[in-house]
Each structure stands twice: as C-alpha cells, then as structure tokens.
C-alpha cells in the first residue's frame, strides 16, 4: 500500500504554527480529495483544513489541543491498494509513522497542493526527525488518539522516549540540546539544562521541560514521574496530555494561583501588541463632543424603508465619519516600511473593526471600505461581526488593514489609549455615548455626549495632522450633514 502524508499548511502569510482544535475523521475512515479533516486555530482564526487526496485514514499524528509547527505531518492516508493484512498494517502504524516522515523527504518536491494557503516548500520543513509514538494514532485505535501507555507496546527502540520521565537527561556527557530562547528561559529560572529531562524531538529540551523542572524545584515533590504535566507547563507533549492537565489547582494544597497556557489568539495578540507598543511611537489625543444629532439620524435611518433589513447603529455612522475624515486628510492612511525607510501612502482604506470573540480579540477589516455606500458598509459590518462571533474569520480578513476602530463604549467605558494594530497608522477608540449636561445654544441641556481617543504612529502622523483628523471625525458626528457636504 502507499502511505501519503498531509502536513500542516501555512493557512496565512508568515504563520509558523497552529493548534488542532478538532478532528473530523478517525483511523479507518475513507476521505476524498477536498474533504475537511480537521479544524485548526492560527493567526486568530479557526480554519478548516481539507485533505488534497483520496484514501483511507491511516493515522492521526497529533491529538486535539496540540500546537503543531507549519510543515509537520499531521495525518497519514493510505492511498494505494490494501495489499497488507489489516492486522499487520494496524500493528505497524505507531512505529512506522516516524520513519515514514524521515525516509520520504523527497516526495513533496514542490509546494504541497493544499486547498488552504500555499502549502509548505521543501526547504522550509527541514527539521529533526519527530518521534511518532508521542503523537501517532494507530489504525486500530478506535478513539483516534494515541495515549502514553501505547508507546511501550511497540518493540522498536524509538518508542522508549514516549515516557519522558524515565529517560536519562543527556546521557551524562555533552552539552544539552536546546534553542537559544529555551536556554535564556532556563537561565532566568535558575535551571541547569543538563539536569532537565528532554521531551523534544531528538532529545531537545523544550520550554515545557524547563517549566516542568522549575515547577518540580518549588514543590515539595522534588522528584515525581508526573513532572511533564505540572501546572506551570504552558503546553504539554501529546504523550503526556490528559484532562487533569487543565486542573493545575489540585497540585498544591493551597491553590492561590492558576496557570493558563498562552496560545492561540491570546498568544498572537500578546506578540502583536508588544511588537506594536515598542516599535511605533504612540501618541494619543482625545476629544469630547455632542453627538445628539447623530443619534437622531440613526433613528431616522432605522425608520427609512430604503434601509429596511440593514443594521443601523452609531458605529456605522462613526465608520462613515472616519472614511470622510480620511478623504480630507489622506496622509493619515499610510504605513511605515522600516526596511526601505519609506512611508507608504495607501489609496484605499481597509477599515479594521476590533471584535471580542470567545477566542479573544481579533481585528478583521472591511476591504475597500472607502468605496462602499452606507448600505454596503452596513452589510459589511454585520457580516464581519457575525463571522467573528462564529470563529470563522479567515486570516485574509485580518490582513492588509490600514486604520482600525475599537468600540470600548459597549462596555460602558468612556475612553482609553488603544495600541496600534501592527502595520497600521492609527486606531480610534469610541467611548460610551451618555446623556450629560451640555451647553447647547447658550443653555445647559441633557445631550448625548461621547469621547473619542485617537492613537497614531508619530513617525507617520505629526501632531497637527493627527489633531485635524480627529477634529474632522468629531465635526462630522456633531453635524452629520457633513457626511454629504464633505463627501
């Protein structure tokens, strides 16, 4: 029979890893070209992966919840005739998975024909051989998930590392194998790498191993075979992964802290915000003004039969006001090219809308928002929010943004100092719209008032330009007829 392997594709631009959220197939299932076999989360989006060939599922190489590097094999499929006895094929699956990956590196000579993204080039997937018994799922395993206890059943020597707690640290000689970031982490935590039990491919010490060693050092149980699943481990190897891993409070008698693995949306957001905050010099300006006329217009538009069925709300008119202000101040719609030392002026507006989802904060954007009518903008906003809440936002929907709006007012917050979405020039925070005493035509009256906060990249936008841009947004919302006169 012929075993073909499907690797984790790059489902976006520059992505390096993805977490397997759910498998839709199990060993023994028949799959067809284009059939979705699993759902993964990466770059703040959940993406379904289709298999690019026909066959019968031979093995699933990773469990649900495991983060996998782009280019690693995640599933193997039998595509040829089953010329071996089923029992023999099933018995060989756990051990044969790893040699298959190492013995056939020349098979994908070009980019793998994946239906999502562009696949992975051969040059980008060179790495140490992976020990399959940690993750491989045998064909006869009805549950489709390999457990740590399955590893000793394989007679082959490579199966031994499946139980990392009984593996000698480094053989007593030579330098411990670890990547520079892992070495730095060990140094910061005061951990001797030579004494750490490695669970990574090829005997490499991982971040999880260092965290496990640190956890063992501060708990009364100085030596325990369950160290790889200690609560301090952000992500555990698949061979040791089990439901109790997510219950760190039970490790200590006085559970005063809970450790939460940083991955998926939270990890991507953290990296992006740190990169933005310490790369782009932020300046934030504020303006408080009367939006009573805008609130009246919102109600009138809701009653307009020509807009029946569309979602009309203040955010829609705020988005339109931002687009009008960009037209009056086009230099704010730009990006900074550090490599070329150039300012790139954008003649289009991909308007980002920050959205809170069950998986975390994401910022999809409306492509070519500047060219849309009010009705088209309403439809785009509604579709964007619905897709985000369903967790179906694609990586493409979150790329190439130019300016973002974040509506913190929905939480009753007056304002904030938002951090720029990486690669963008500005972000507008919209505060809560409240009835407040306000001087209107010489008298104090109850008026709808809000505060806007504009953060911008001071390399691109100086104080004058940023102030004019923010003032124009407020002017449109204070007198919404300017949506026509300034358009």
Protein backbone atom coordinates (compact mmCIF):
# COMPACT_ATOMS: atom_id res chain seq x y z
CA UNK A 1 0.00 0.00 0.00
CA UNK A 2 1.03 3.65 -0.39
CA UNK A 3 1.00 5.97 2.60
CA UNK A 4 0.74 9.67 1.84
CA UNK A 5 1.27 12.34 4.45
CA UNK A 6 -0.54 15.65 4.86
CA UNK A 7 1.46 18.41 6.52
CA UNK A 8 0.23 21.39 8.48
CA UNK A 9 -0.06 24.07 5.77
CA UNK A 10 0.61 27.77 6.07
CA UNK A 11 -3.02 28.93 6.12
CA UNK A 12 -1.98 32.58 6.14
CA UNK A 13 1.05 34.72 5.45
CA UNK A 14 4.04 34.05 7.66
CA UNK A 15 2.29 31.76 10.14
CA UNK A 16 4.56 29.31 11.95
CA UNK A 17 2.20 27.14 13.98
CA UNK A 18 -1.42 26.18 14.51
CA UNK A 19 -3.41 24.43 17.22
CA UNK A 20 -5.54 21.45 16.25
CA UNK A 21 -8.99 22.21 17.60
CA UNK A 22 -10.95 19.23 16.31
CA UNK A 23 -10.53 16.12 14.18
CA UNK A 24 -13.42 15.26 11.87
CA UNK A 25 -12.02 11.85 10.89
CA UNK A 26 -10.58 8.81 12.64
CA UNK A 27 -8.23 5.99 11.52
CA UNK A 28 -10.05 3.73 9.09
CA UNK A 29 -12.33 6.46 7.72
CA UNK A 30 -12.45 6.98 3.97
CA UNK A 31 -11.59 10.51 2.82
CA UNK A 32 -11.91 12.18 -0.57
CA UNK A 33 -9.99 14.99 -2.23
CA UNK A 34 -11.18 18.28 -0.73
CA UNK A 35 -12.84 16.74 2.33
CA UNK A 36 -12.35 18.70 5.57
CA UNK A 37 -10.42 16.52 8.03
CA UNK A 38 -9.74 18.91 10.90
CA UNK A 39 -10.16 22.42 12.26
CA UNK A 40 -7.12 24.41 13.38
CA UNK A 41 -6.69 27.78 15.03
CA UNK A 42 -3.94 30.15 14.00
CA UNK A 43 -3.45 33.85 13.47
CA UNK A 44 -6.59 34.48 15.48
CA UNK A 45 -8.79 32.46 13.17
CA UNK A 46 -10.29 28.98 13.13
CA UNK A 47 -9.68 27.36 9.74
CA UNK A 48 -10.93 24.05 8.38
CA UNK A 49 -8.28 22.03 6.51
CA UNK A 50 -9.26 19.88 3.51
CA UNK A 51 -7.17 16.85 2.51
CA UNK A 52 -5.79 17.07 -1.06
CA UNK A 53 -6.11 13.38 -1.98
CA UNK A 54 -8.35 10.30 -1.68
CA UNK A 55 -7.73 7.33 0.58
CA UNK A 56 -8.27 5.74 3.98
CA UNK A 57 -7.03 7.45 7.15
CA UNK A 58 -4.01 5.54 8.40
CA UNK A 59 -3.05 7.59 11.47
CA UNK A 60 -3.63 10.92 13.20
CA UNK A 61 -0.27 12.17 14.40
CA UNK A 62 -1.41 14.78 16.91
CA UNK A 63 -4.19 15.00 19.45
CA UNK A 64 -6.73 17.79 19.67
CA UNK A 65 -5.39 20.76 21.58
CA UNK A 66 -1.78 20.27 20.46
CA UNK A 67 0.06 23.15 18.77
CA UNK A 68 1.86 21.98 15.63
CA UNK A 69 4.54 23.73 13.59
CA UNK A 70 3.79 24.53 9.95
CA UNK A 71 5.31 21.76 7.82
CA UNK A 72 4.85 18.94 10.31
CA UNK A 73 2.87 15.88 9.23
CA UNK A 74 -0.50 15.79 10.99
CA UNK A 75 -2.26 12.88 9.26
CA UNK A 76 -1.26 9.95 7.06
CA UNK A 77 -3.58 8.38 4.49
CA UNK A 78 -3.42 5.05 2.70
CA UNK A 79 -3.91 5.84 -0.97
CA UNK A 80 -2.86 2.57 -2.59
CA UNK A 81 -4.48 -0.89 -2.51
CA UNK A 82 -4.51 -2.56 0.89
CA UNK A 83 -2.06 -5.32 -0.06
CA UNK A 84 -1.16 -5.96 3.57
CA UNK A 85 -3.31 -7.71 6.11
CA UNK A 86 -5.30 -5.20 8.13
CA UNK A 87 -3.90 -6.53 11.40
CA UNK A 88 -0.32 -6.17 10.18
CA UNK A 89 -0.94 -2.62 8.96
CA UNK A 90 -2.57 -1.66 12.24
CA UNK A 91 0.29 -3.09 14.30
CA UNK A 92 2.88 -1.25 12.23
CA UNK A 93 1.17 2.15 12.28
CA UNK A 94 2.51 3.50 15.60
CA UNK A 95 6.13 2.67 14.82
CA UNK A 96 6.12 3.30 11.08
CA UNK A 97 4.82 6.83 11.27
CA UNK A 98 8.12 8.45 12.24
CA UNK A 99 10.39 6.55 9.78
CA UNK A 100 7.97 7.39 7.01
CA UNK A 101 8.48 11.08 7.61
CA UNK A 102 12.27 10.69 7.57
CA UNK A 103 12.53 8.13 4.77
CA UNK A 104 10.49 10.02 2.19
CA UNK A 105 11.60 13.68 2.38
CA UNK A 106 11.97 13.88 -1.37
CA UNK A 107 8.29 13.13 -2.09
CA UNK A 108 6.92 16.72 -1.94
CA UNK A 109 9.41 18.18 -4.42
CA UNK A 110 7.30 21.29 -4.92
CA UNK A 111 4.81 23.05 -2.68
CA UNK A 112 2.20 20.67 -1.37
CA UNK A 113 -1.15 21.02 -3.19
CA UNK A 114 -3.16 22.29 -0.25
CA UNK A 115 -6.57 23.87 -0.73
CA UNK A 116 -5.93 26.45 2.01
CA UNK A 117 -2.91 28.74 1.67
CA UNK A 118 0.07 27.69 -0.44
CA UNK A 119 1.36 24.67 1.42
CA UNK A 120 4.94 24.43 2.57
CA UNK A 121 8.05 24.33 0.42
CA UNK A 122 10.56 21.53 0.96
CA UNK A 123 13.24 23.94 2.15
CA UNK A 124 11.01 25.29 4.90
CA UNK A 125 10.31 21.93 6.51
CA UNK A 126 13.80 20.62 7.29
CA UNK A 127 13.85 19.71 10.93
CA UNK A 128 14.96 16.95 13.27
CA UNK A 129 13.05 13.67 12.84
CA UNK A 130 9.97 13.53 15.01
CA UNK A 131 9.39 10.59 17.35
CA UNK A 132 5.92 9.47 16.31
CA UNK A 133 4.99 7.34 19.34
CA UNK A 134 4.34 10.55 21.30
CA UNK A 135 1.57 11.64 18.98
CA UNK A 136 0.88 8.89 16.43
CA UNK A 137 -2.50 7.27 16.39
CA UNK A 138 -2.54 3.63 15.40
CA UNK A 139 -5.03 2.49 12.80
CA UNK A 140 -6.59 0.01 15.21
CA UNK A 141 -7.16 2.66 17.91
CA UNK A 142 -10.88 3.25 17.72
CA UNK A 143 -10.70 6.56 19.59
CA UNK A 144 -8.29 8.11 17.10
CA UNK A 145 -5.97 9.37 19.90
CA UNK A 146 -2.70 7.79 20.98
CA UNK A 147 -2.03 7.69 24.73
CA UNK A 148 1.29 7.48 26.54
CA UNK A 149 0.56 3.92 27.58
CA UNK A 150 0.52 2.81 23.95
CA UNK A 151 4.20 3.57 23.36
CA UNK A 152 5.75 0.62 25.26
CA UNK A 153 3.71 -1.81 23.13
CA UNK A 154 5.92 -1.06 20.13
CA UNK A 155 9.05 -3.26 20.02
CA UNK A 156 11.12 -0.65 18.20
CA UNK A 157 13.71 1.26 20.22
CA UNK A 158 12.50 4.78 19.25
CA UNK A 159 9.30 4.14 21.22
CA UNK A 160 11.13 4.44 24.55
CA UNK A 161 11.13 8.28 24.72
CA UNK A 162 7.29 8.22 24.82
CA UNK A 163 7.62 8.15 28.62
CA UNK A 164 9.94 11.14 29.10
CA UNK A 165 10.03 10.88 32.89
CA UNK A 166 12.23 7.75 32.72
CA UNK A 167 14.66 8.96 30.06
CA UNK A 168 18.15 9.96 31.24
CA UNK A 169 18.70 13.70 30.98
CA UNK A 170 21.55 13.94 28.47
CA UNK A 171 23.47 10.71 28.73
CA UNK A 172 25.87 12.32 31.17
CA UNK A 173 28.10 13.87 28.51
CA UNK A 174 27.92 16.69 26.03
CA UNK A 175 26.01 19.93 26.00
CA UNK A 176 22.25 19.85 26.47
CA UNK A 177 20.35 20.38 23.25
CA UNK A 178 18.10 23.46 23.42
CA UNK A 179 17.22 26.52 21.37
CA UNK A 180 18.57 29.93 22.47
CA UNK A 181 15.20 31.16 23.84
CA UNK A 182 14.92 27.99 25.92
CA UNK A 183 18.45 28.47 27.25
CA UNK A 184 17.60 32.02 28.24
CA UNK A 185 14.42 30.84 29.97
CA UNK A 186 16.40 28.23 31.90
CA UNK A 187 18.96 30.84 32.92
CA UNK A 188 16.24 33.23 34.09
CA UNK A 189 14.62 30.48 36.16
CA UNK A 190 17.92 29.20 37.53
CA UNK A 191 17.52 25.77 35.94
CA UNK A 192 20.50 23.61 34.92
CA UNK A 193 19.69 22.33 31.42
CA UNK A 194 21.90 19.28 31.90
CA UNK A 195 19.57 18.12 34.66
CA UNK A 196 16.35 18.63 32.67
CA UNK A 197 14.55 15.63 31.22
CA UNK A 198 14.17 16.35 27.46
CA UNK A 199 10.92 15.50 25.68
CA UNK A 200 11.53 17.32 22.40
CA UNK A 201 12.38 15.73 19.08
CA UNK A 202 15.91 14.32 19.01
CA UNK A 203 16.38 14.83 22.74
CA UNK A 204 15.90 18.60 22.58
CA UNK A 205 14.95 20.37 25.79
CA UNK A 206 11.76 22.40 25.27
CA UNK A 207 10.24 25.34 27.11
CA UNK A 208 7.75 22.93 28.65
CA UNK A 209 10.60 20.82 30.03
CA UNK A 210 12.18 23.87 31.66
CA UNK A 211 8.86 24.96 33.17
CA UNK A 212 8.34 21.41 34.45
CA UNK A 213 11.79 21.39 36.06
CA UNK A 214 11.09 24.78 37.65
CA UNK A 215 7.77 23.52 38.98
CA UNK A 216 9.43 20.48 40.50
CA UNK A 217 12.01 22.69 42.19
CA UNK A 218 9.41 24.77 44.05
CA UNK A 219 7.03 21.99 45.06
CA UNK A 220 7.55 19.51 47.92
CA UNK A 221 7.66 16.67 45.40
CA UNK A 222 11.20 17.18 44.17
CA UNK A 223 11.19 14.03 42.08
CA UNK A 224 7.93 12.89 40.54
CA UNK A 225 7.20 10.97 37.35
CA UNK A 226 4.29 13.33 36.58
CA UNK A 227 6.52 16.40 36.18
CA UNK A 228 5.75 16.87 32.45
CA UNK A 229 2.11 17.58 33.34
CA UNK A 230 2.80 20.06 36.13
CA UNK A 231 0.52 23.12 36.16
CA UNK A 232 3.31 25.51 35.24
CA UNK A 233 3.71 23.89 31.83
CA UNK A 234 2.12 26.15 29.18
CA UNK A 235 1.72 23.30 26.69
CA UNK A 236 2.33 19.61 27.35
CA UNK A 237 3.53 16.93 24.94
CA UNK A 238 0.73 14.91 23.42
CA UNK A 239 2.02 11.73 25.00
CA UNK A 240 1.54 13.18 28.48
CA UNK A 241 -1.55 15.24 27.72
CA UNK A 242 -4.76 14.32 29.54
CA UNK A 243 -7.75 16.02 31.07
CA UNK A 244 -6.11 16.53 34.51
CA UNK A 245 -3.53 18.81 32.87
CA UNK A 246 -6.12 21.59 32.85
CA UNK A 247 -6.67 21.34 36.62
CA UNK A 248 -3.49 22.93 38.00
CA UNK A 249 -5.15 24.00 41.26
CA UNK A 250 -5.09 20.39 42.51
CA UNK A 251 -1.29 20.25 42.50
CA UNK A 252 -0.95 22.43 45.58
CA UNK A 253 -2.89 22.20 48.81
CA UNK A 254 -3.34 25.97 48.87
CA UNK A 255 -4.37 26.89 45.33
CA UNK A 256 -3.72 30.63 45.28
CA UNK A 257 -2.79 30.79 41.58
CA UNK A 258 -3.92 29.26 38.32
CA UNK A 259 -1.63 28.91 35.31
CA UNK A 260 -3.26 29.32 31.90
CA UNK A 261 -1.35 28.25 28.76
CA UNK A 262 -0.67 31.20 26.46
CA UNK A 263 -1.54 30.05 22.97
CA UNK A 264 -3.89 30.64 20.08
CA UNK A 265 -5.49 34.07 19.91
CA UNK A 266 -4.07 35.19 23.26
CA UNK A 267 -0.53 34.38 22.18
CA UNK A 268 -0.82 36.10 18.80
CA UNK A 269 -2.45 39.17 20.35
CA UNK A 270 0.25 39.44 23.02
CA UNK A 271 3.05 39.24 20.47
CA UNK A 272 1.39 41.80 18.21
CA UNK A 273 0.71 44.29 20.99
CA UNK A 274 4.22 44.08 22.43
CA UNK A 275 5.71 44.47 18.96
CA UNK A 276 3.50 47.46 18.20
CA UNK A 277 3.95 49.21 21.55
CA UNK A 278 7.74 49.04 21.38
CA UNK A 279 8.12 49.70 17.66
CA UNK A 280 5.72 52.52 16.76
CA UNK A 281 5.96 55.71 18.86
CA UNK A 282 2.37 56.14 20.05
CA UNK A 283 0.62 59.44 20.57
CA UNK A 284 -2.98 59.55 21.84
CA UNK A 285 -5.33 62.52 21.61
CA UNK A 286 -8.86 62.90 22.97
CA UNK A 287 -11.95 64.86 22.07
CA UNK A 288 -15.33 65.06 23.84
CA UNK A 289 -18.34 66.38 21.92
CA UNK A 290 -22.09 66.35 21.38
CA UNK A 291 -23.45 63.54 19.18
CA UNK A 292 -27.15 64.22 19.72
CA UNK A 293 -27.74 64.94 16.03
CA UNK A 294 -26.02 61.70 15.06
CA UNK A 295 -28.23 59.73 17.44
CA UNK A 296 -31.30 61.34 15.88
CA UNK A 297 -30.02 60.45 12.41
CA UNK A 298 -29.52 56.83 13.48
CA UNK A 299 -33.17 56.62 14.48
CA UNK A 300 -34.30 58.24 11.22
CA UNK A 301 -32.24 55.79 9.17
CA UNK A 302 -33.73 52.87 11.08
CA UNK A 303 -37.16 54.06 10.01
CA UNK A 304 -36.11 54.55 6.38
CA UNK A 305 -37.79 51.86 4.20
CA UNK A 306 -34.84 52.01 1.77
CA UNK A 307 -32.59 50.69 4.53
CA UNK A 308 -35.02 48.08 5.83
CA UNK A 309 -33.27 44.91 6.94
CA UNK A 310 -29.92 46.63 7.48
CA UNK A 311 -28.29 47.04 10.87
CA UNK A 312 -28.14 50.78 11.60
CA UNK A 313 -26.27 51.86 14.72
CA UNK A 314 -23.88 54.62 15.85
CA UNK A 315 -20.84 52.55 14.89
CA UNK A 316 -21.96 52.59 11.26
CA UNK A 317 -22.02 56.41 11.18
CA UNK A 318 -18.75 56.61 13.10
CA UNK A 319 -17.14 54.36 10.48
CA UNK A 320 -18.53 56.59 7.74
CA UNK A 321 -17.21 59.68 9.56
CA UNK A 322 -13.72 58.11 9.73
CA UNK A 323 -13.81 57.47 5.98
CA UNK A 324 -14.84 61.07 5.28
CA UNK A 325 -12.07 62.36 7.54
CA UNK A 326 -9.50 60.17 5.75
CA UNK A 327 -10.60 61.66 2.45
CA UNK A 328 -9.93 65.12 3.87
CA UNK A 329 -6.62 64.02 5.43
CA UNK A 330 -5.26 61.29 3.14
CA UNK A 331 -1.76 61.29 4.66
CA UNK A 332 -3.05 59.55 7.79
CA UNK A 333 -3.76 56.44 5.72
CA UNK A 334 -0.19 55.20 5.48
CA UNK A 335 2.30 52.65 6.79
CA UNK A 336 5.97 52.68 7.71
CA UNK A 337 8.39 50.49 5.71
CA UNK A 338 11.34 50.05 8.04
CA UNK A 339 13.43 48.00 5.60
CA UNK A 340 13.12 50.51 2.77
CA UNK A 341 12.93 53.53 5.06
CA UNK A 342 9.85 54.73 3.21
CA UNK A 343 6.35 55.93 4.07
CA UNK A 344 3.76 54.03 2.04
CA UNK A 345 0.65 56.08 1.31
CA UNK A 346 -2.44 53.91 0.84
CA UNK A 347 -5.00 54.95 -1.77
CA UNK A 348 -7.53 52.53 -0.33
CA UNK A 349 -8.99 52.06 3.13
CA UNK A 350 -9.24 48.61 4.70
CA UNK A 351 -11.14 49.59 7.82
CA UNK A 352 -10.45 47.35 10.80
CA UNK A 353 -13.10 46.69 13.44
CA UNK A 354 -11.85 45.24 16.73
CA UNK A 355 -14.12 42.37 17.74
CA UNK A 356 -14.27 40.48 21.03
CA UNK A 357 -14.86 36.78 20.40
CA UNK A 358 -14.91 33.67 22.62
CA UNK A 359 -11.34 33.00 21.46
CA UNK A 360 -10.13 36.52 22.17
CA UNK A 361 -9.70 39.86 20.44
CA UNK A 362 -9.40 39.87 16.65
CA UNK A 363 -9.32 42.73 14.15
CA UNK A 364 -10.83 41.79 10.78
CA UNK A 365 -11.13 44.59 8.27
CA UNK A 366 -13.57 45.72 5.59
CA UNK A 367 -11.71 45.72 2.31
CA UNK A 368 -12.02 48.92 0.23
CA UNK A 369 -14.37 50.47 2.77
CA UNK A 370 -13.82 53.89 1.16
CA UNK A 371 -15.71 52.77 -1.95
CA UNK A 372 -18.81 51.47 -0.17
CA UNK A 373 -22.17 53.17 0.19
CA UNK A 374 -23.81 53.43 3.60
CA UNK A 375 -25.91 50.34 2.89
CA UNK A 376 -22.91 48.34 1.66
CA UNK A 377 -20.90 49.41 4.69
CA UNK A 378 -23.74 48.26 6.97
CA UNK A 379 -23.83 44.85 5.29
CA UNK A 380 -20.06 44.51 5.53
CA UNK A 381 -20.06 45.41 9.21
CA UNK A 382 -22.83 42.94 10.01
CA UNK A 383 -21.12 40.15 8.10
CA UNK A 384 -17.78 40.88 9.71
CA UNK A 385 -19.19 40.77 13.25
CA UNK A 386 -21.25 37.62 12.61
CA UNK A 387 -18.28 35.78 11.12
CA UNK A 388 -16.04 36.83 14.02
CA UNK A 389 -18.52 35.63 16.65
CA UNK A 390 -18.77 32.26 14.90
CA UNK A 391 -14.98 31.97 14.95
CA UNK A 392 -14.88 31.68 11.17
CA UNK A 393 -12.85 34.79 10.38
CA UNK A 394 -10.14 33.85 7.88
CA UNK A 395 -6.53 35.09 8.11
CA UNK A 396 -7.06 37.04 4.87
CA UNK A 397 -9.84 39.03 6.54
CA UNK A 398 -7.35 40.26 9.15
CA UNK A 399 -4.52 41.22 6.81
CA UNK A 400 -3.71 44.46 4.99
CA UNK A 401 -5.66 46.68 7.39
CA UNK A 402 -4.93 50.42 7.31
CA UNK A 403 -6.89 52.03 10.18
CA UNK A 404 -8.91 50.44 12.99
CA UNK A 405 -11.92 51.34 15.14
CA UNK A 406 -12.36 49.81 18.59
CA UNK A 407 -15.68 50.40 20.33
CA UNK A 408 -14.95 50.27 24.07
CA UNK A 409 -18.16 52.19 24.71
CA UNK A 410 -20.21 49.00 24.52
CA UNK A 411 -18.71 48.11 27.91
CA UNK A 412 -19.68 51.46 29.42
CA UNK A 413 -16.10 52.77 29.21
CA UNK A 414 -15.64 56.47 28.49
CA UNK A 415 -12.34 56.21 26.63
CA UNK A 416 -8.91 54.58 26.55
CA UNK A 417 -5.45 54.70 24.99
CA UNK A 418 -5.59 51.98 22.32
CA UNK A 419 -2.47 50.32 20.93
CA UNK A 420 -2.00 50.33 17.17
CA UNK A 421 -2.70 47.20 15.19
CA UNK A 422 0.75 46.28 13.77
CA UNK A 423 1.38 47.84 10.37
CA UNK A 424 -1.38 50.43 10.69
CA UNK A 425 -1.11 54.18 11.18
CA UNK A 426 -3.97 54.90 13.61
CA UNK A 427 -6.65 53.41 15.81
CA UNK A 428 -9.79 55.16 17.06
CA UNK A 429 -11.33 54.22 20.39
CA UNK A 430 -15.03 55.09 20.69
CA UNK A 431 -16.30 55.73 24.21
CA UNK A 432 -19.77 55.25 25.66
CA UNK A 433 -22.49 57.63 24.44
CA UNK A 434 -24.21 59.06 27.51
CA UNK A 435 -26.75 61.72 28.35
CA UNK A 436 -24.85 64.51 30.07
CA UNK A 437 -25.43 68.17 30.90
CA UNK A 438 -24.07 70.14 27.96
CA UNK A 439 -24.18 73.77 26.92
CA UNK A 440 -26.30 73.93 23.76
CA UNK A 441 -27.27 77.27 22.24
CA UNK A 442 -26.38 79.07 25.43
CA UNK A 443 -28.37 76.80 27.74
CA UNK A 444 -27.44 73.73 29.75
CA UNK A 445 -29.37 70.76 28.41
CA UNK A 446 -29.20 67.00 28.53
CA UNK A 447 -27.34 65.95 25.38
CA UNK A 448 -25.79 62.75 24.07
CA UNK A 449 -22.04 63.12 24.59
CA UNK A 450 -19.12 60.83 23.81
CA UNK A 451 -15.33 60.86 23.86
CA UNK A 452 -13.06 59.66 21.06
CA UNK A 453 -9.42 58.71 21.58
CA UNK A 454 -7.09 58.55 18.58
CA UNK A 455 -3.74 56.78 18.89
CA UNK A 456 -1.40 57.22 15.94
CA UNK A 457 2.14 56.41 14.82
CA UNK A 458 4.15 59.60 15.33
CA UNK A 459 6.61 58.52 12.62
CA UNK A 460 3.79 58.88 10.11
CA UNK A 461 1.44 61.41 11.65
CA UNK A 462 2.57 64.57 13.39
CA UNK A 463 0.52 66.42 15.98
CA UNK A 464 -1.10 68.80 13.51
CA UNK A 465 -2.26 66.11 11.11
CA UNK A 466 -3.48 63.84 13.91
CA UNK A 467 -5.40 66.72 15.52
CA UNK A 468 -7.06 67.76 12.26
CA UNK A 469 -8.04 64.17 11.53
CA UNK A 470 -9.61 63.66 14.96
CA UNK A 471 -11.35 67.05 14.85
CA UNK A 472 -12.84 66.21 11.44
CA UNK A 473 -14.27 62.93 12.73
CA UNK A 474 -15.88 64.78 15.62
CA UNK A 475 -17.17 67.54 13.34
CA UNK A 476 -18.93 65.00 11.11
CA UNK A 477 -20.56 63.28 14.08
CA UNK A 478 -21.56 66.55 15.69
CA UNK A 479 -23.15 67.77 12.45
CA UNK A 480 -23.83 64.63 10.37
CA UNK A 481 -24.95 66.69 7.37
CA UNK A 482 -21.20 66.90 6.70
CA UNK A 483 -21.41 63.30 5.57
CA UNK A 484 -22.89 64.88 2.42
CA UNK A 485 -21.20 68.25 2.23
CA UNK A 486 -17.69 66.86 2.82
CA UNK A 487 -18.11 63.76 0.64
